[in-house]
Amino acid sequence: MKKSLLLLETIVSIVLLSIIFLTTTKFLFEVNEKNKSNFTTNLTKLEFETTKLFLITTLKKDTNLNKINYENDKLFYNSNLLQKNVTNFTVSNENKIYTIDICINLYNNICQTWIVK
């Protein structure tokens, strides 16, 4: 009788520990996926910000964006690579107010519109 009770306790303990292990593993995988998603989104936002700062600096220096060229999913400045993985880039100028539409696809496609004076 004592051995059967000990065996039952061992089985219950193994089942409980298995449930705890599976739940914890599932939770850790979900946290890992969320972190990957946040990392890639933040990396893309950082790419946007660096490109935006460069364009603003270029506008202050040259007063126009004529040296910016977009071709084959790449953005060039004076034939130098400025940004890769650009899926859309348009610039419109009205009364020295530039509207820039840009989409970057590093891990997922994210688009922004900037208004620069």
C-alpha atoms as a PDB file:
ATOM      1  CA  MET A   1       0.000   0.000   0.000  1.00  0.00           C
ATOM      2  CA  LYS A   2       2.798   2.387   0.867  1.00  0.00           C
ATOM      3  CA  LYS A   3       4.599   1.745  -2.422  1.00  0.00           C
ATOM      4  CA  SER A   4       1.439   2.356  -4.446  1.00  0.00           C
ATOM      5  CA  LEU A   5       0.870   5.680  -2.685  1.00  0.00           C
ATOM      6  CA  LEU A   6       4.452   6.676  -3.381  1.00  0.00           C
ATOM      7  CA  LEU A   7       4.023   5.705  -7.039  1.00  0.00           C
ATOM      8  CA  LEU A   8       0.820   7.757  -7.288  1.00  0.00           C
ATOM      9  CA  GLU A   9       2.547  10.787  -5.763  1.00  0.00           C
ATOM     10  CA  THR A  10       5.398  10.424  -8.232  1.00  0.00           C
ATOM     11  CA  ILE A  11       3.006  10.247 -11.185  1.00  0.00           C
ATOM     12  CA  VAL A  12       1.070  13.310  -9.989  1.00  0.00           C
ATOM     13  CA  SER A  13       4.341  15.194  -9.494  1.00  0.00           C
ATOM     14  CA  ILE A  14       5.539  14.292 -12.981  1.00  0.00           C
ATOM     15  CA  VAL A  15       2.230  15.401 -14.535  1.00  0.00           C
ATOM     16  CA  LEU A  16       2.269  18.712 -12.646  1.00  0.00           C
ATOM     17  CA  LEU A  17       5.886  19.402 -13.530  1.00  0.00           C
ATOM     18  CA  SER A  18       5.167  18.585 -17.173  1.00  0.00           C
ATOM     19  CA  ILE A  19       2.271  21.032 -17.246  1.00  0.00           C
ATOM     20  CA  ILE A  20       4.409  23.730 -15.624  1.00  0.00           C
ATOM     21  CA  PHE A  21       7.266  23.057 -18.040  1.00  0.00           C
ATOM     22  CA  LEU A  22       5.024  23.177 -21.124  1.00  0.00           C
ATOM     23  CA  THR A  23       3.307  26.374 -19.987  1.00  0.00           C
ATOM     24  CA  THR A  24       6.618  28.050 -19.222  1.00  0.00           C
ATOM     25  CA  THR A  25       8.096  26.979 -22.552  1.00  0.00           C
ATOM     26  CA  LYS A  26       5.095  28.305 -24.453  1.00  0.00           C
ATOM     27  CA  PHE A  27       5.301  31.601 -22.594  1.00  0.00           C
ATOM     28  CA  LEU A  28       9.027  31.945 -23.307  1.00  0.00           C
ATOM     29  CA  PHE A  29       8.522  31.279 -27.026  1.00  0.00           C
ATOM     30  CA  GLU A  30       5.789  33.932 -27.179  1.00  0.00           C
ATOM     31  CA  VAL A  31       8.020  36.460 -25.406  1.00  0.00           C
ATOM     32  CA  ASN A  32      10.862  35.625 -27.795  1.00  0.00           C
ATOM     33  CA  GLU A  33       8.647  36.143 -30.864  1.00  0.00           C
ATOM     34  CA  LYS A  34       7.372  39.451 -29.485  1.00  0.00           C
ATOM     35  CA  ASN A  35      10.948  40.595 -28.851  1.00  0.00           C
ATOM     36  CA  LYS A  36      11.965  39.675 -32.408  1.00  0.00           C
ATOM     37  CA  SER A  37       9.034  41.628 -33.779  1.00  0.00           C
ATOM     38  CA  ASN A  38       9.830  44.669 -31.634  1.00  0.00           C
ATOM     39  CA  PHE A  39      13.494  44.502 -32.581  1.00  0.00           C
ATOM     40  CA  THR A  40      12.810  44.444 -36.313  1.00  0.00           C
ATOM     41  CA  THR A  41      10.256  47.246 -36.053  1.00  0.00           C
ATOM     42  CA  ASN A  42      12.667  49.398 -34.061  1.00  0.00           C
ATOM     43  CA  LEU A  43      15.473  48.670 -36.493  1.00  0.00           C
ATOM     44  CA  THR A  44      13.290  49.815 -39.388  1.00  0.00           C
ATOM     45  CA  LYS A  45      12.304  52.965 -37.465  1.00  0.00           C
ATOM     46  CA  LEU A  46      15.963  53.678 -36.852  1.00  0.00           C
ATOM     47  CA  GLU A  47      16.624  53.361 -40.584  1.00  0.00           C
ATOM     48  CA  PHE A  48      13.809  55.844 -41.182  1.00  0.00           C
ATOM     49  CA  GLU A  49      15.211  58.329 -38.697  1.00  0.00           C
ATOM     50  CA  THR A  50      18.743  58.231 -40.064  1.00  0.00           C
ATOM     51  CA  THR A  51      17.456  58.710 -43.610  1.00  0.00           C
ATOM     52  CA  LYS A  52      15.202  61.552 -42.497  1.00  0.00           C
ATOM     53  CA  LEU A  53      18.042  63.311 -40.669  1.00  0.00           C
ATOM     54  CA  PHE A  54      20.269  62.978 -43.691  1.00  0.00           C
ATOM     55  CA  LEU A  55      17.605  64.434 -45.992  1.00  0.00           C
ATOM     56  CA  ILE A  56      16.967  67.356 -43.632  1.00  0.00           C
ATOM     57  CA  THR A  57      20.694  68.061 -43.429  1.00  0.00           C
ATOM     58  CA  THR A  58      20.963  67.868 -47.202  1.00  0.00           C
ATOM     59  CA  LEU A  59      18.093  70.312 -47.604  1.00  0.00           C
ATOM     60  CA  LYS A  60      19.734  72.781 -45.240  1.00  0.00           C
ATOM     61  CA  LYS A  61      23.028  72.508 -47.089  1.00  0.00           C
ATOM     62  CA  ASP A  62      21.895  72.314 -50.744  1.00  0.00           C
ATOM     63  CA  THR A  63      18.362  73.789 -50.450  1.00  0.00           C
ATOM     64  CA  ASN A  64      17.066  71.026 -52.742  1.00  0.00           C
ATOM     65  CA  LEU A  65      16.989  67.270 -53.122  1.00  0.00           C
ATOM     66  CA  ASN A  66      18.051  67.041 -56.761  1.00  0.00           C
ATOM     67  CA  LYS A  67      20.994  64.788 -55.961  1.00  0.00           C
ATOM     68  CA  ILE A  68      18.726  62.101 -54.475  1.00  0.00           C
ATOM     69  CA  ASN A  69      18.034  59.260 -56.883  1.00  0.00           C
ATOM     70  CA  TYR A  70      15.781  56.220 -56.400  1.00  0.00           C
ATOM     71  CA  GLU A  71      16.272  53.105 -58.536  1.00  0.00           C
ATOM     72  CA  ASN A  72      16.135  49.324 -58.073  1.00  0.00           C
ATOM     73  CA  ASP A  73      14.920  49.493 -54.459  1.00  0.00           C
ATOM     74  CA  LYS A  74      17.893  51.656 -53.498  1.00  0.00           C
ATOM     75  CA  LEU A  75      18.200  55.301 -52.626  1.00  0.00           C
ATOM     76  CA  PHE A  76      21.315  57.105 -53.831  1.00  0.00           C
ATOM     77  CA  TYR A  77      22.842  60.465 -53.040  1.00  0.00           C
ATOM     78  CA  ASN A  78      25.410  61.619 -55.599  1.00  0.00           C
ATOM     79  CA  SER A  79      25.690  58.017 -56.829  1.00  0.00           C
ATOM     80  CA  ASN A  80      26.510  56.864 -53.279  1.00  0.00           C
ATOM     81  CA  LEU A  81      24.230  54.335 -51.650  1.00  0.00           C
ATOM     82  CA  LEU A  82      22.085  56.024 -49.022  1.00  0.00           C
ATOM     83  CA  GLN A  83      19.465  53.378 -48.202  1.00  0.00           C
ATOM     84  CA  LYS A  84      18.734  49.822 -49.323  1.00  0.00           C
ATOM     85  CA  ASN A  85      15.403  47.974 -49.324  1.00  0.00           C
ATOM     86  CA  VAL A  86      13.352  51.039 -50.232  1.00  0.00           C
ATOM     87  CA  THR A  87      10.114  49.927 -51.847  1.00  0.00           C
ATOM     88  CA  ASN A  88       8.698  53.395 -52.515  1.00  0.00           C
ATOM     89  CA  PHE A  89      10.214  56.868 -52.607  1.00  0.00           C
ATOM     90  CA  THR A  90       8.558  60.020 -53.910  1.00  0.00           C
ATOM     91  CA  VAL A  91       9.412  63.658 -53.324  1.00  0.00           C
ATOM     92  CA  SER A  92       7.140  66.570 -54.077  1.00  0.00           C
ATOM     93  CA  ASN A  93       8.086  70.208 -53.702  1.00  0.00           C
ATOM     94  CA  GLU A  94       5.534  72.973 -53.248  1.00  0.00           C
ATOM     95  CA  ASN A  95       6.731  76.432 -52.193  1.00  0.00           C
ATOM     96  CA  LYS A  96       9.931  75.039 -50.673  1.00  0.00           C
ATOM     97  CA  ILE A  97       7.972  72.574 -48.563  1.00  0.00           C
ATOM     98  CA  TYR A  98       9.018  69.030 -49.383  1.00  0.00           C
ATOM     99  CA  THR A  99       6.677  66.091 -48.914  1.00  0.00           C
ATOM    100  CA  ILE A 100       8.562  62.809 -48.880  1.00  0.00           C
ATOM    101  CA  ASP A 101       6.810  59.437 -49.044  1.00  0.00           C
ATOM    102  CA  ILE A 102       9.100  56.530 -48.278  1.00  0.00           C
ATOM    103  CA  CYS A 103       8.628  52.809 -47.609  1.00  0.00           C
ATOM    104  CA  ILE A 104      11.398  50.589 -46.255  1.00  0.00           C
ATOM    105  CA  ASN A 105      11.189  46.820 -46.205  1.00  0.00           C
ATOM    106  CA  LEU A 106      13.787  45.371 -43.841  1.00  0.00           C
ATOM    107  CA  TYR A 107      11.692  42.680 -42.199  1.00  0.00           C
ATOM    108  CA  ASN A 108       8.246  44.042 -42.886  1.00  0.00           C
ATOM    109  CA  ASN A 109       7.155  46.915 -45.087  1.00  0.00           C
ATOM    110  CA  ILE A 110       6.724  50.179 -43.163  1.00  0.00           C
ATOM    111  CA  CYS A 111       5.848  53.497 -44.806  1.00  0.00           C
ATOM    112  CA  GLN A 112       6.101  57.071 -43.589  1.00  0.00           C
ATOM    113  CA  THR A 113       5.337  60.517 -44.926  1.00  0.00           C
ATOM    114  CA  TRP A 114       7.572  63.437 -43.950  1.00  0.00           C
ATOM    115  CA  ILE A 115       6.964  67.128 -44.436  1.00  0.00           C
ATOM    116  CA  VAL A 116      10.208  69.075 -44.441  1.00  0.00           C
ATOM    117  CA  LYS A 117      10.565  72.837 -44.744  1.00  0.00           C
END
